[in-house]
Amino acid sequence: GFLSVSTKKITVLADKAVWADEVDVSDAESRLQS
């Protein structure tokens, strides 16, 4: 995605995003073996 900064606003426009507290840590750890 992109980070856009203007004099009045910061916009982070991501292709995909998830809050840290939404992450299933055990699932993410298992995906490290992919």
ModelCIF file with pLDDT and N, C-alpha, C, O atoms, coordinates in Angstrom:
data_MODEL
#
_entry.id   MODEL 
#
_entity.id                         1 
_entity.type                       polymer 
_entity.pdbx_number_of_molecules   1 
#
_entity_poly.entity_id                      1 
_entity_poly.type                           'polypeptide(L)' 
_entity_poly.nstd_linkage                   no 
_entity_poly.nstd_monomer                   no 
_entity_poly.pdbx_seq_one_letter_code       GFLSVSTKKITVLADKAVWADEVDVSDAESRLQS 
_entity_poly.pdbx_seq_one_letter_code_can   GFLSVSTKKITVLADKAVWADEVDVSDAESRLQS 
_entity_poly.pdbx_strand_id                 A 
#
loop_
_entity_poly_seq.entity_id 
_entity_poly_seq.num 
_entity_poly_seq.mon_id 
_entity_poly_seq.hetero 
1 1  GLY n 
1 2  PHE n 
1 3  LEU n 
1 4  SER n 
1 5  VAL n 
1 6  SER n 
1 7  THR n 
1 8  LYS n 
1 9  LYS n 
1 10 ILE n 
1 11 THR n 
1 12 VAL n 
1 13 LEU n 
1 14 ALA n 
1 15 ASP n 
1 16 LYS n 
1 17 ALA n 
1 18 VAL n 
1 19 TRP n 
1 20 ALA n 
1 21 ASP n 
1 22 GLU n 
1 23 VAL n 
1 24 ASP n 
1 25 VAL n 
1 26 SER n 
1 27 ASP n 
1 28 ALA n 
1 29 GLU n 
1 30 SER n 
1 31 ARG n 
1 32 LEU n 
1 33 GLN n 
1 34 SER n 
#
_struct_asym.id          A 
_struct_asym.entity_id   1 
#
loop_
_ma_qa_metric.id 
_ma_qa_metric.mode 
_ma_qa_metric.name 
_ma_qa_metric.software_group_id 
_ma_qa_metric.type 
1 global pLDDT . pLDDT 
2 local  pLDDT . pLDDT 
#
_ma_qa_metric_global.metric_id      1 
_ma_qa_metric_global.metric_value   96.71 
_ma_qa_metric_global.model_id       1 
_ma_qa_metric_global.ordinal_id     1 
#
loop_
_ma_qa_metric_local.label_asym_id 
_ma_qa_metric_local.label_comp_id 
_ma_qa_metric_local.label_seq_id 
_ma_qa_metric_local.metric_id 
_ma_qa_metric_local.metric_value 
_ma_qa_metric_local.model_id 
_ma_qa_metric_local.ordinal_id 
A GLY 1  2 98.00 1 1  
A PHE 2  2 98.00 1 2  
A LEU 3  2 98.00 1 3  
A SER 4  2 98.00 1 4  
A VAL 5  2 98.00 1 5  
A SER 6  2 97.00 1 6  
A THR 7  2 94.00 1 7  
A LYS 8  2 96.00 1 8  
A LYS 9  2 98.00 1 9  
A ILE 10 2 98.00 1 10 
A THR 11 2 98.00 1 11 
A VAL 12 2 98.00 1 12 
A LEU 13 2 98.00 1 13 
A ALA 14 2 98.00 1 14 
A ASP 15 2 96.00 1 15 
A LYS 16 2 96.00 1 16 
A ALA 17 2 97.00 1 17 
A VAL 18 2 97.00 1 18 
A TRP 19 2 97.00 1 19 
A ALA 20 2 97.00 1 20 
A ASP 21 2 95.00 1 21 
A GLU 22 2 96.00 1 22 
A VAL 23 2 97.00 1 23 
A ASP 24 2 96.00 1 24 
A VAL 25 2 96.00 1 25 
A SER 26 2 96.00 1 26 
A ASP 27 2 96.00 1 27 
A ALA 28 2 97.00 1 28 
A GLU 29 2 96.00 1 29 
A SER 30 2 96.00 1 30 
A ARG 31 2 97.00 1 31 
A LEU 32 2 95.00 1 32 
A GLN 33 2 95.00 1 33 
A SER 34 2 95.00 1 34 
#
loop_
_atom_site.group_PDB 
_atom_site.id 
_atom_site.type_symbol 
_atom_site.label_atom_id 
_atom_site.label_alt_id 
_atom_site.label_comp_id 
_atom_site.label_asym_id 
_atom_site.label_entity_id 
_atom_site.label_seq_id 
_atom_site.pdbx_PDB_ins_code 
_atom_site.Cartn_x 
_atom_site.Cartn_y 
_atom_site.Cartn_z 
_atom_site.occupancy 
_atom_site.B_iso_or_equiv 
_atom_site.pdbx_formal_charge 
_atom_site.auth_seq_id 
_atom_site.auth_comp_id 
_atom_site.auth_asym_id 
_atom_site.auth_atom_id 
_atom_site.pdbx_PDB_model_num 
ATOM 1   N N  . GLY A 1 1  ? 0.818  -1.194  0.000  1.00 98.00 ? 1  GLY A N  1 
ATOM 2   C CA . GLY A 1 1  ? 0.000  0.000   0.000  1.00 98.00 ? 1  GLY A CA 1 
ATOM 3   C C  . GLY A 1 1  ? 0.855  1.248   0.000  1.00 98.00 ? 1  GLY A C  1 
ATOM 4   O O  . GLY A 1 1  ? 2.013  1.228   -0.418 1.00 98.00 ? 1  GLY A O  1 
ATOM 5   N N  . PHE A 1 2  ? 0.262  2.350   0.480  1.00 98.00 ? 2  PHE A N  1 
ATOM 6   C CA . PHE A 1 2  ? 0.930  3.643   0.426  1.00 98.00 ? 2  PHE A CA 1 
ATOM 7   C C  . PHE A 1 2  ? 0.730  4.433   1.703  1.00 98.00 ? 2  PHE A C  1 
ATOM 8   O O  . PHE A 1 2  ? -0.253 4.248   2.421  1.00 98.00 ? 2  PHE A O  1 
ATOM 9   N N  . LEU A 1 3  ? 1.679  5.319   1.976  1.00 98.00 ? 3  LEU A N  1 
ATOM 10  C CA . LEU A 1 3  ? 1.604  6.284   3.058  1.00 98.00 ? 3  LEU A CA 1 
ATOM 11  C C  . LEU A 1 3  ? 1.596  7.656   2.400  1.00 98.00 ? 3  LEU A C  1 
ATOM 12  O O  . LEU A 1 3  ? 2.550  8.029   1.716  1.00 98.00 ? 3  LEU A O  1 
ATOM 13  N N  . SER A 1 4  ? 0.526  8.399   2.606  1.00 98.00 ? 4  SER A N  1 
ATOM 14  C CA . SER A 1 4  ? 0.389  9.726   2.019  1.00 98.00 ? 4  SER A CA 1 
ATOM 15  C C  . SER A 1 4  ? 0.362  10.757  3.134  1.00 98.00 ? 4  SER A C  1 
ATOM 16  O O  . SER A 1 4  ? -0.418 10.647  4.081  1.00 98.00 ? 4  SER A O  1 
ATOM 17  N N  . VAL A 1 5  ? 1.224  11.764  3.012  1.00 98.00 ? 5  VAL A N  1 
ATOM 18  C CA . VAL A 1 5  ? 1.289  12.823  4.007  1.00 98.00 ? 5  VAL A CA 1 
ATOM 19  C C  . VAL A 1 5  ? 1.056  14.151  3.298  1.00 98.00 ? 5  VAL A C  1 
ATOM 20  O O  . VAL A 1 5  ? 1.757  14.496  2.347  1.00 98.00 ? 5  VAL A O  1 
ATOM 21  N N  . SER A 1 6  ? 0.060  14.890  3.780  1.00 97.00 ? 6  SER A N  1 
ATOM 22  C CA . SER A 1 6  ? -0.175 16.249  3.288  1.00 97.00 ? 6  SER A CA 1 
ATOM 23  C C  . SER A 1 6  ? -0.050 17.183  4.484  1.00 97.00 ? 6  SER A C  1 
ATOM 24  O O  . SER A 1 6  ? 0.218  16.730  5.596  1.00 97.00 ? 6  SER A O  1 
ATOM 25  N N  . THR A 1 7  ? -0.237 18.454  4.273  1.00 94.00 ? 7  THR A N  1 
ATOM 26  C CA . THR A 1 7  ? -0.136 19.403  5.383  1.00 94.00 ? 7  THR A CA 1 
ATOM 27  C C  . THR A 1 7  ? -1.277 19.239  6.376  1.00 94.00 ? 7  THR A C  1 
ATOM 28  O O  . THR A 1 7  ? -1.169 19.684  7.519  1.00 94.00 ? 7  THR A O  1 
ATOM 29  N N  . LYS A 1 8  ? -2.377 18.604  5.954  1.00 96.00 ? 8  LYS A N  1 
ATOM 30  C CA . LYS A 1 8  ? -3.555 18.491  6.809  1.00 96.00 ? 8  LYS A CA 1 
ATOM 31  C C  . LYS A 1 8  ? -3.907 17.067  7.235  1.00 96.00 ? 8  LYS A C  1 
ATOM 32  O O  . LYS A 1 8  ? -4.748 16.878  8.114  1.00 96.00 ? 8  LYS A O  1 
ATOM 33  N N  . LYS A 1 9  ? -3.262 16.045  6.611  1.00 98.00 ? 9  LYS A N  1 
ATOM 34  C CA . LYS A 1 9  ? -3.716 14.681  6.878  1.00 98.00 ? 9  LYS A CA 1 
ATOM 35  C C  . LYS A 1 9  ? -2.636 13.651  6.565  1.00 98.00 ? 9  LYS A C  1 
ATOM 36  O O  . LYS A 1 9  ? -1.835 13.822  5.646  1.00 98.00 ? 9  LYS A O  1 
ATOM 37  N N  . ILE A 1 10 ? -2.637 12.573  7.358  1.00 98.00 ? 10 ILE A N  1 
ATOM 38  C CA . ILE A 1 10 ? -1.814 11.397  7.087  1.00 98.00 ? 10 ILE A CA 1 
ATOM 39  C C  . ILE A 1 10 ? -2.768 10.263  6.749  1.00 98.00 ? 10 ILE A C  1 
ATOM 40  O O  . ILE A 1 10 ? -3.686 9.964   7.513  1.00 98.00 ? 10 ILE A O  1 
ATOM 41  N N  . THR A 1 11 ? -2.547 9.637   5.601  1.00 98.00 ? 11 THR A N  1 
ATOM 42  C CA . THR A 1 11 ? -3.373 8.501   5.205  1.00 98.00 ? 11 THR A CA 1 
ATOM 43  C C  . THR A 1 11 ? -2.481 7.298   4.963  1.00 98.00 ? 11 THR A C  1 
ATOM 44  O O  . THR A 1 11 ? -1.529 7.362   4.186  1.00 98.00 ? 11 THR A O  1 
ATOM 45  N N  . VAL A 1 12 ? -2.796 6.203   5.634  1.00 98.00 ? 12 VAL A N  1 
ATOM 46  C CA . VAL A 1 12 ? -2.149 4.926   5.375  1.00 98.00 ? 12 VAL A CA 1 
ATOM 47  C C  . VAL A 1 12 ? -3.187 4.096   4.628  1.00 98.00 ? 12 VAL A C  1 
ATOM 48  O O  . VAL A 1 12 ? -4.226 3.739   5.184  1.00 98.00 ? 12 VAL A O  1 
ATOM 49  N N  . LEU A 1 13 ? -2.901 3.793   3.373  1.00 98.00 ? 13 LEU A N  1 
ATOM 50  C CA . LEU A 1 13 ? -3.802 3.005   2.533  1.00 98.00 ? 13 LEU A CA 1 
ATOM 51  C C  . LEU A 1 13 ? -3.117 1.673   2.252  1.00 98.00 ? 13 LEU A C  1 
ATOM 52  O O  . LEU A 1 13 ? -2.225 1.588   1.408  1.00 98.00 ? 13 LEU A O  1 
ATOM 53  N N  . ALA A 1 14 ? -3.543 0.637   2.966  1.00 98.00 ? 14 ALA A N  1 
ATOM 54  C CA . ALA A 1 14 ? -2.904 -0.674  2.880  1.00 98.00 ? 14 ALA A CA 1 
ATOM 55  C C  . ALA A 1 14 ? -3.717 -1.622  2.011  1.00 98.00 ? 14 ALA A C  1 
ATOM 56  O O  . ALA A 1 14 ? -4.945 -1.551  1.960  1.00 98.00 ? 14 ALA A O  1 
ATOM 57  N N  . ASP A 1 15 ? -3.000 -2.510  1.331  1.00 96.00 ? 15 ASP A N  1 
ATOM 58  C CA . ASP A 1 15 ? -3.695 -3.564  0.590  1.00 96.00 ? 15 ASP A CA 1 
ATOM 59  C C  . ASP A 1 15 ? -4.447 -4.456  1.579  1.00 96.00 ? 15 ASP A C  1 
ATOM 60  O O  . ASP A 1 15 ? -5.618 -4.777  1.375  1.00 96.00 ? 15 ASP A O  1 
ATOM 61  N N  . LYS A 1 16 ? -3.759 -4.849  2.648  1.00 96.00 ? 16 LYS A N  1 
ATOM 62  C CA . LYS A 1 16 ? -4.361 -5.637  3.732  1.00 96.00 ? 16 LYS A CA 1 
ATOM 63  C C  . LYS A 1 16 ? -3.782 -5.122  5.039  1.00 96.00 ? 16 LYS A C  1 
ATOM 64  O O  . LYS A 1 16 ? -2.635 -4.678  5.088  1.00 96.00 ? 16 LYS A O  1 
ATOM 65  N N  . ALA A 1 17 ? -4.577 -5.183  6.094  1.00 97.00 ? 17 ALA A N  1 
ATOM 66  C CA . ALA A 1 17 ? -4.100 -4.758  7.408  1.00 97.00 ? 17 ALA A CA 1 
ATOM 67  C C  . ALA A 1 17 ? -4.888 -5.472  8.497  1.00 97.00 ? 17 ALA A C  1 
ATOM 68  O O  . ALA A 1 17 ? -6.070 -5.778  8.337  1.00 97.00 ? 17 ALA A O  1 
ATOM 69  N N  . VAL A 1 18 ? -4.206 -5.729  9.606  1.00 97.00 ? 18 VAL A N  1 
ATOM 70  C CA . VAL A 1 18 ? -4.839 -6.348  10.764 1.00 97.00 ? 18 VAL A CA 1 
ATOM 71  C C  . VAL A 1 18 ? -4.221 -5.727  12.008 1.00 97.00 ? 18 VAL A C  1 
ATOM 72  O O  . VAL A 1 18 ? -3.006 -5.546  12.077 1.00 97.00 ? 18 VAL A O  1 
ATOM 73  N N  . TRP A 1 19 ? -5.066 -5.398  13.003 1.00 97.00 ? 19 TRP A N  1 
ATOM 74  C CA . TRP A 1 19 ? -4.558 -4.876  14.262 1.00 97.00 ? 19 TRP A CA 1 
ATOM 75  C C  . TRP A 1 19 ? -3.772 -5.961  14.986 1.00 97.00 ? 19 TRP A C  1 
ATOM 76  O O  . TRP A 1 19 ? -4.102 -7.143  14.887 1.00 97.00 ? 19 TRP A O  1 
ATOM 77  N N  . ALA A 1 20 ? -2.751 -5.567  15.702 1.00 97.00 ? 20 ALA A N  1 
ATOM 78  C CA . ALA A 1 20 ? -1.924 -6.520  16.447 1.00 97.00 ? 20 ALA A CA 1 
ATOM 79  C C  . ALA A 1 20 ? -2.761 -7.365  17.401 1.00 97.00 ? 20 ALA A C  1 
ATOM 80  O O  . ALA A 1 20 ? -2.498 -8.556  17.570 1.00 97.00 ? 20 ALA A O  1 
ATOM 81  N N  . ASP A 1 21 ? -3.774 -6.749  18.028 1.00 95.00 ? 21 ASP A N  1 
ATOM 82  C CA . ASP A 1 21 ? -4.580 -7.514  18.986 1.00 95.00 ? 21 ASP A CA 1 
ATOM 83  C C  . ASP A 1 21 ? -5.582 -8.451  18.313 1.00 95.00 ? 21 ASP A C  1 
ATOM 84  O O  . ASP A 1 21 ? -6.265 -9.211  18.999 1.00 95.00 ? 21 ASP A O  1 
ATOM 85  N N  . GLU A 1 22 ? -5.680 -8.412  16.989 1.00 96.00 ? 22 GLU A N  1 
ATOM 86  C CA . GLU A 1 22 ? -6.536 -9.344  16.242 1.00 96.00 ? 22 GLU A CA 1 
ATOM 87  C C  . GLU A 1 22 ? -5.770 -10.572 15.756 1.00 96.00 ? 22 GLU A C  1 
ATOM 88  O O  . GLU A 1 22 ? -6.368 -11.524 15.256 1.00 96.00 ? 22 GLU A O  1 
ATOM 89  N N  . VAL A 1 23 ? -4.448 -10.547 15.905 1.00 97.00 ? 23 VAL A N  1 
ATOM 90  C CA . VAL A 1 23 ? -3.605 -11.638 15.397 1.00 97.00 ? 23 VAL A CA 1 
ATOM 91  C C  . VAL A 1 23 ? -3.745 -12.863 16.287 1.00 97.00 ? 23 VAL A C  1 
ATOM 92  O O  . VAL A 1 23 ? -3.628 -12.770 17.509 1.00 97.00 ? 23 VAL A O  1 
ATOM 93  N N  . ASP A 1 24 ? -3.994 -14.003 15.674 1.00 96.00 ? 24 ASP A N  1 
ATOM 94  C CA . ASP A 1 24 ? -3.975 -15.288 16.368 1.00 96.00 ? 24 ASP A CA 1 
ATOM 95  C C  . ASP A 1 24 ? -2.510 -15.728 16.390 1.00 96.00 ? 24 ASP A C  1 
ATOM 96  O O  . ASP A 1 24 ? -1.997 -16.244 15.397 1.00 96.00 ? 24 ASP A O  1 
ATOM 97  N N  . VAL A 1 25 ? -1.845 -15.523 17.521 1.00 96.00 ? 25 VAL A N  1 
ATOM 98  C CA . VAL A 1 25 ? -0.406 -15.735 17.616 1.00 96.00 ? 25 VAL A CA 1 
ATOM 99  C C  . VAL A 1 25 ? -0.029 -17.186 17.316 1.00 96.00 ? 25 VAL A C  1 
ATOM 100 O O  . VAL A 1 25 ? 0.941  -17.426 16.597 1.00 96.00 ? 25 VAL A O  1 
ATOM 101 N N  . SER A 1 26 ? -0.764 -18.144 17.843 1.00 96.00 ? 26 SER A N  1 
ATOM 102 C CA . SER A 1 26 ? -0.409 -19.550 17.584 1.00 96.00 ? 26 SER A CA 1 
ATOM 103 C C  . SER A 1 26 ? -0.572 -19.898 16.104 1.00 96.00 ? 26 SER A C  1 
ATOM 104 O O  . SER A 1 26 ? 0.225  -20.659 15.556 1.00 96.00 ? 26 SER A O  1 
ATOM 105 N N  . ASP A 1 27 ? -1.594 -19.346 15.459 1.00 96.00 ? 27 ASP A N  1 
ATOM 106 C CA . ASP A 1 27 ? -1.767 -19.560 14.018 1.00 96.00 ? 27 ASP A CA 1 
ATOM 107 C C  . ASP A 1 27 ? -0.617 -18.922 13.244 1.00 96.00 ? 27 ASP A C  1 
ATOM 108 O O  . ASP A 1 27 ? -0.068 -19.536 12.328 1.00 96.00 ? 27 ASP A O  1 
ATOM 109 N N  . ALA A 1 28 ? -0.252 -17.696 13.607 1.00 97.00 ? 28 ALA A N  1 
ATOM 110 C CA . ALA A 1 28 ? 0.844  -17.009 12.922 1.00 97.00 ? 28 ALA A CA 1 
ATOM 111 C C  . ALA A 1 28 ? 2.159  -17.764 13.115 1.00 97.00 ? 28 ALA A C  1 
ATOM 112 O O  . ALA A 1 28 ? 2.950  -17.880 12.180 1.00 97.00 ? 28 ALA A O  1 
ATOM 113 N N  . GLU A 1 29 ? 2.392  -18.275 14.316 1.00 96.00 ? 29 GLU A N  1 
ATOM 114 C CA . GLU A 1 29 ? 3.613  -19.045 14.567 1.00 96.00 ? 29 GLU A CA 1 
ATOM 115 C C  . GLU A 1 29 ? 3.653  -20.319 13.728 1.00 96.00 ? 29 GLU A C  1 
ATOM 116 O O  . GLU A 1 29 ? 4.716  -20.707 13.244 1.00 96.00 ? 29 GLU A O  1 
ATOM 117 N N  . SER A 1 30 ? 2.505  -20.972 13.552 1.00 96.00 ? 30 SER A N  1 
ATOM 118 C CA . SER A 1 30 ? 2.478  -22.182 12.724 1.00 96.00 ? 30 SER A CA 1 
ATOM 119 C C  . SER A 1 30 ? 2.701  -21.852 11.247 1.00 96.00 ? 30 SER A C  1 
ATOM 120 O O  . SER A 1 30 ? 3.288  -22.646 10.512 1.00 96.00 ? 30 SER A O  1 
ATOM 121 N N  . ARG A 1 31 ? 2.226  -20.663 10.809 1.00 97.00 ? 31 ARG A N  1 
ATOM 122 C CA . ARG A 1 31 ? 2.440  -20.259 9.416  1.00 97.00 ? 31 ARG A CA 1 
ATOM 123 C C  . ARG A 1 31 ? 3.898  -19.930 9.113  1.00 97.00 ? 31 ARG A C  1 
ATOM 124 O O  . ARG A 1 31 ? 4.287  -19.862 7.947  1.00 97.00 ? 31 ARG A O  1 
ATOM 125 N N  . LEU A 1 32 ? 4.707  -19.725 10.151 1.00 95.00 ? 32 LEU A N  1 
ATOM 126 C CA . LEU A 1 32 ? 6.140  -19.491 9.944  1.00 95.00 ? 32 LEU A CA 1 
ATOM 127 C C  . LEU A 1 32 ? 6.821  -20.704 9.314  1.00 95.00 ? 32 LEU A C  1 
ATOM 128 O O  . LEU A 1 32 ? 7.890  -20.581 8.716  1.00 95.00 ? 32 LEU A O  1 
ATOM 129 N N  . GLN A 1 33 ? 6.204  -21.866 9.450  1.00 95.00 ? 33 GLN A N  1 
ATOM 130 C CA . GLN A 1 33 ? 6.770  -23.097 8.885  1.00 95.00 ? 33 GLN A CA 1 
ATOM 131 C C  . GLN A 1 33 ? 6.352  -23.334 7.442  1.00 95.00 ? 33 GLN A C  1 
ATOM 132 O O  . GLN A 1 33 ? 6.756  -24.328 6.839  1.00 95.00 ? 33 GLN A O  1 
ATOM 133 N N  . SER A 1 34 ? 5.558  -22.445 6.884  1.00 95.00 ? 34 SER A N  1 
ATOM 134 C CA . SER A 1 34 ? 5.037  -22.611 5.533  1.00 95.00 ? 34 SER A CA 1 
ATOM 135 C C  . SER A 1 34 ? 6.148  -22.572 4.488  1.00 95.00 ? 34 SER A C  1 
ATOM 136 O O  . SER A 1 34 ? 5.877  -22.698 3.294  1.00 95.00 ? 34 SER A O  1 
#
